Amino acid sequence: MSIKFKAIQKGEPGVIGGGEKKWYASPVLDGEMSLEKMTKSIEKICTVSGADIRAVLYAMVDVSIEELGEGSIVRLGELGSLRPTLKSKGVAQKADVDRSVIKSANVLFTPGTRIKEMLSATKFNKI
């Protein structure tokens, strides 16, 4: 396996005019795996029908959304886990922390062991 990358130039975040610009490696993304395409790929390697696979994948999405919305970590076996995170303003007093300081909510993905192993074994090719 190999991931292609290219060099891109970025300025310093939060500095007017970009500050000192430096070069960074950036992955060149090649394609996309949709739920439909994933369903067809899974169907080729197991005995479960495409309709059943689709039903499970879409149900997994629905259940994951519900659980994340309740503040739960969603563990997806060797794939990894999803958990909600918050960005908030800092305030001087603990008592001042309420919903008004929350700027945004995101979901963080933490890869599982097999994905981490794949990434450590992956070669990188500059294009």
C-alpha atoms as a PDB file:
ATOM      1  CA  MET A   1       0.000   0.000   0.000  1.00  0.00           C
ATOM      2  CA  SER A   2       1.129   3.551  -0.627  1.00  0.00           C
ATOM      3  CA  ILE A   3      -0.330   6.981  -0.084  1.00  0.00           C
ATOM      4  CA  LYS A   4       0.556   9.692  -2.581  1.00  0.00           C
ATOM      5  CA  PHE A   5       1.345  13.156  -1.275  1.00  0.00           C
ATOM      6  CA  LYS A   6       2.251  16.581  -2.555  1.00  0.00           C
ATOM      7  CA  ALA A   7       3.924  19.648  -1.087  1.00  0.00           C
ATOM      8  CA  ILE A   8       1.681  22.576  -0.121  1.00  0.00           C
ATOM      9  CA  GLN A   9       2.613  25.931   1.377  1.00  0.00           C
ATOM     10  CA  LYS A  10       0.778  27.238   4.443  1.00  0.00           C
ATOM     11  CA  GLY A  11       1.041  30.356   6.534  1.00  0.00           C
ATOM     12  CA  GLU A  12       0.867  30.578  10.313  1.00  0.00           C
ATOM     13  CA  PRO A  13      -2.711  30.321  11.620  1.00  0.00           C
ATOM     14  CA  GLY A  14      -4.013  33.508  13.222  1.00  0.00           C
ATOM     15  CA  VAL A  15      -1.197  35.712  11.876  1.00  0.00           C
ATOM     16  CA  ILE A  16      -2.248  38.606   9.635  1.00  0.00           C
ATOM     17  CA  GLY A  17      -0.773  38.084   6.182  1.00  0.00           C
ATOM     18  CA  GLY A  18       0.032  34.468   7.006  1.00  0.00           C
ATOM     19  CA  GLY A  19       3.331  35.111   8.794  1.00  0.00           C
ATOM     20  CA  GLU A  20       6.199  32.807   7.891  1.00  0.00           C
ATOM     21  CA  LYS A  21       5.093  30.380   5.199  1.00  0.00           C
ATOM     22  CA  LYS A  22       6.326  26.786   5.351  1.00  0.00           C
ATOM     23  CA  TRP A  23       5.943  23.719   3.156  1.00  0.00           C
ATOM     24  CA  TYR A  24       4.059  20.641   4.353  1.00  0.00           C
ATOM     25  CA  ALA A  25       3.232  17.184   3.005  1.00  0.00           C
ATOM     26  CA  SER A  26      -0.448  16.811   2.113  1.00  0.00           C
ATOM     27  CA  PRO A  27      -2.113  13.558   1.026  1.00  0.00           C
ATOM     28  CA  VAL A  28      -3.470  13.318  -2.497  1.00  0.00           C
ATOM     29  CA  LEU A  29      -6.839  11.655  -1.984  1.00  0.00           C
ATOM     30  CA  ASP A  30      -7.683   9.096  -4.636  1.00  0.00           C
ATOM     31  CA  GLY A  31     -11.326   8.097  -4.814  1.00  0.00           C
ATOM     32  CA  GLU A  32     -14.071   7.607  -2.307  1.00  0.00           C
ATOM     33  CA  MET A  33     -15.824   4.653  -0.690  1.00  0.00           C
ATOM     34  CA  SER A  34     -19.585   5.224  -0.427  1.00  0.00           C
ATOM     35  CA  LEU A  35     -21.924   3.002   1.590  1.00  0.00           C
ATOM     36  CA  GLU A  36     -23.241   1.593  -1.691  1.00  0.00           C
ATOM     37  CA  LYS A  37     -19.744   0.748  -2.928  1.00  0.00           C
ATOM     38  CA  MET A  38     -18.871  -0.714   0.479  1.00  0.00           C
ATOM     39  CA  THR A  39     -22.010  -2.843   0.364  1.00  0.00           C
ATOM     40  CA  LYS A  40     -20.986  -4.293  -3.007  1.00  0.00           C
ATOM     41  CA  SER A  41     -17.433  -4.958  -1.813  1.00  0.00           C
ATOM     42  CA  ILE A  42     -18.644  -6.734   1.334  1.00  0.00           C
ATOM     43  CA  GLU A  43     -21.185  -8.719  -0.688  1.00  0.00           C
ATOM     44  CA  LYS A  44     -18.325 -10.158  -2.801  1.00  0.00           C
ATOM     45  CA  ILE A  45     -16.451 -11.541   0.217  1.00  0.00           C
ATOM     46  CA  CYS A  46     -19.282 -13.016   2.288  1.00  0.00           C
ATOM     47  CA  THR A  47     -22.555 -14.874   1.970  1.00  0.00           C
ATOM     48  CA  VAL A  48     -24.777 -12.049   3.227  1.00  0.00           C
ATOM     49  CA  SER A  49     -27.036 -10.372   0.663  1.00  0.00           C
ATOM     50  CA  GLY A  50     -26.533  -6.758  -0.401  1.00  0.00           C
ATOM     51  CA  ALA A  51     -29.922  -5.799   1.034  1.00  0.00           C
ATOM     52  CA  ASP A  52     -28.985  -7.199   4.452  1.00  0.00           C
ATOM     53  CA  ILE A  53     -25.561  -5.514   4.372  1.00  0.00           C
ATOM     54  CA  ARG A  54     -27.154  -2.164   3.447  1.00  0.00           C
ATOM     55  CA  ALA A  55     -29.695  -2.542   6.225  1.00  0.00           C
ATOM     56  CA  VAL A  56     -26.960  -3.153   8.805  1.00  0.00           C
ATOM     57  CA  LEU A  57     -24.727  -0.306   7.565  1.00  0.00           C
ATOM     58  CA  TYR A  58     -27.556   2.231   7.534  1.00  0.00           C
ATOM     59  CA  ALA A  59     -28.756   1.035  10.949  1.00  0.00           C
ATOM     60  CA  MET A  60     -25.171   1.396  12.239  1.00  0.00           C
ATOM     61  CA  VAL A  61     -25.158   5.020  11.039  1.00  0.00           C
ATOM     62  CA  ASP A  62     -28.511   5.730  12.716  1.00  0.00           C
ATOM     63  CA  VAL A  63     -27.533   4.079  16.015  1.00  0.00           C
ATOM     64  CA  SER A  64     -24.112   5.799  16.011  1.00  0.00           C
ATOM     65  CA  ILE A  65     -25.733   9.216  15.522  1.00  0.00           C
ATOM     66  CA  GLU A  66     -28.166   8.540  18.359  1.00  0.00           C
ATOM     67  CA  GLU A  67     -25.426   7.371  20.744  1.00  0.00           C
ATOM     68  CA  LEU A  68     -23.049  10.225  19.882  1.00  0.00           C
ATOM     69  CA  GLY A  69     -25.935  12.624  20.483  1.00  0.00           C
ATOM     70  CA  GLU A  70     -26.267  11.182  23.994  1.00  0.00           C
ATOM     71  CA  GLY A  71     -22.545  11.696  24.670  1.00  0.00           C
ATOM     72  CA  SER A  72     -21.509   8.041  24.305  1.00  0.00           C
ATOM     73  CA  ILE A  73     -18.347   6.654  22.746  1.00  0.00           C
ATOM     74  CA  VAL A  74     -19.194   4.443  19.759  1.00  0.00           C
ATOM     75  CA  ARG A  75     -16.728   1.552  19.497  1.00  0.00           C
ATOM     76  CA  LEU A  76     -16.594  -0.049  16.061  1.00  0.00           C
ATOM     77  CA  GLY A  77     -14.379  -3.030  16.852  1.00  0.00           C
ATOM     78  CA  GLU A  78     -11.087  -3.071  14.980  1.00  0.00           C
ATOM     79  CA  LEU A  79     -12.174  -0.098  12.870  1.00  0.00           C
ATOM     80  CA  GLY A  80     -11.836   2.252  15.841  1.00  0.00           C
ATOM     81  CA  SER A  81     -14.094   4.499  17.863  1.00  0.00           C
ATOM     82  CA  LEU A  82     -16.057   7.736  17.570  1.00  0.00           C
ATOM     83  CA  ARG A  83     -16.592  10.203  20.399  1.00  0.00           C
ATOM     84  CA  PRO A  84     -18.082  13.667  20.712  1.00  0.00           C
ATOM     85  CA  THR A  85     -15.758  16.590  21.475  1.00  0.00           C
ATOM     86  CA  LEU A  86     -16.406  20.241  22.320  1.00  0.00           C
ATOM     87  CA  LYS A  87     -14.669  23.539  21.595  1.00  0.00           C
ATOM     88  CA  SER A  88     -15.392  26.198  24.162  1.00  0.00           C
ATOM     89  CA  LYS A  89     -14.340  29.621  25.347  1.00  0.00           C
ATOM     90  CA  GLY A  90     -12.234  29.767  28.482  1.00  0.00           C
ATOM     91  CA  VAL A  91     -13.772  31.530  31.475  1.00  0.00           C
ATOM     92  CA  ALA A  92     -12.251  32.616  34.789  1.00  0.00           C
ATOM     93  CA  GLN A  93     -14.577  30.743  37.145  1.00  0.00           C
ATOM     94  CA  LYS A  94     -15.730  27.119  37.131  1.00  0.00           C
ATOM     95  CA  ALA A  95     -19.271  28.311  37.914  1.00  0.00           C
ATOM     96  CA  ASP A  96     -19.285  30.362  34.691  1.00  0.00           C
ATOM     97  CA  VAL A  97     -18.982  27.241  32.518  1.00  0.00           C
ATOM     98  CA  ASP A  98     -22.392  26.721  30.939  1.00  0.00           C
ATOM     99  CA  ARG A  99     -23.784  26.021  27.466  1.00  0.00           C
ATOM    100  CA  SER A 100     -23.083  29.600  26.330  1.00  0.00           C
ATOM    101  CA  VAL A 101     -19.294  28.976  26.348  1.00  0.00           C
ATOM    102  CA  ILE A 102     -19.568  26.073  23.886  1.00  0.00           C
ATOM    103  CA  LYS A 103     -18.471  27.226  20.420  1.00  0.00           C
ATOM    104  CA  SER A 104     -18.955  23.974  18.520  1.00  0.00           C
ATOM    105  CA  ALA A 105     -19.228  20.214  18.756  1.00  0.00           C
ATOM    106  CA  ASN A 106     -17.358  17.703  16.620  1.00  0.00           C
ATOM    107  CA  VAL A 107     -16.849  13.967  16.403  1.00  0.00           C
ATOM    108  CA  LEU A 108     -13.344  12.560  16.840  1.00  0.00           C
ATOM    109  CA  PHE A 109     -12.373   9.273  15.207  1.00  0.00           C
ATOM    110  CA  THR A 110      -9.673   7.206  16.890  1.00  0.00           C
ATOM    111  CA  PRO A 111      -8.409   4.429  14.638  1.00  0.00           C
ATOM    112  CA  GLY A 112      -8.251   0.846  15.869  1.00  0.00           C
ATOM    113  CA  THR A 113      -5.128  -1.300  16.059  1.00  0.00           C
ATOM    114  CA  ARG A 114      -5.347  -2.688  12.506  1.00  0.00           C
ATOM    115  CA  ILE A 115      -5.678   0.788  10.975  1.00  0.00           C
ATOM    116  CA  LYS A 116      -2.728   2.007  13.064  1.00  0.00           C
ATOM    117  CA  GLU A 117      -0.686  -0.986  11.876  1.00  0.00           C
ATOM    118  CA  MET A 118      -1.664  -0.282   8.264  1.00  0.00           C
ATOM    119  CA  LEU A 119      -0.586   3.362   8.606  1.00  0.00           C
ATOM    120  CA  SER A 120       2.768   2.450  10.139  1.00  0.00           C
ATOM    121  CA  ALA A 121       3.431  -0.031   7.302  1.00  0.00           C
ATOM    122  CA  THR A 122       2.246   2.299   4.518  1.00  0.00           C
ATOM    123  CA  LYS A 123       4.769   3.733   2.066  1.00  0.00           C
ATOM    124  CA  PHE A 124       4.515   7.350   0.950  1.00  0.00           C
ATOM    125  CA  ASN A 125       5.189   8.516  -2.628  1.00  0.00           C
ATOM    126  CA  LYS A 126       5.651  12.162  -3.551  1.00  0.00           C
ATOM    127  CA  ILE A 127       3.968  13.211  -6.805  1.00  0.00           C
END
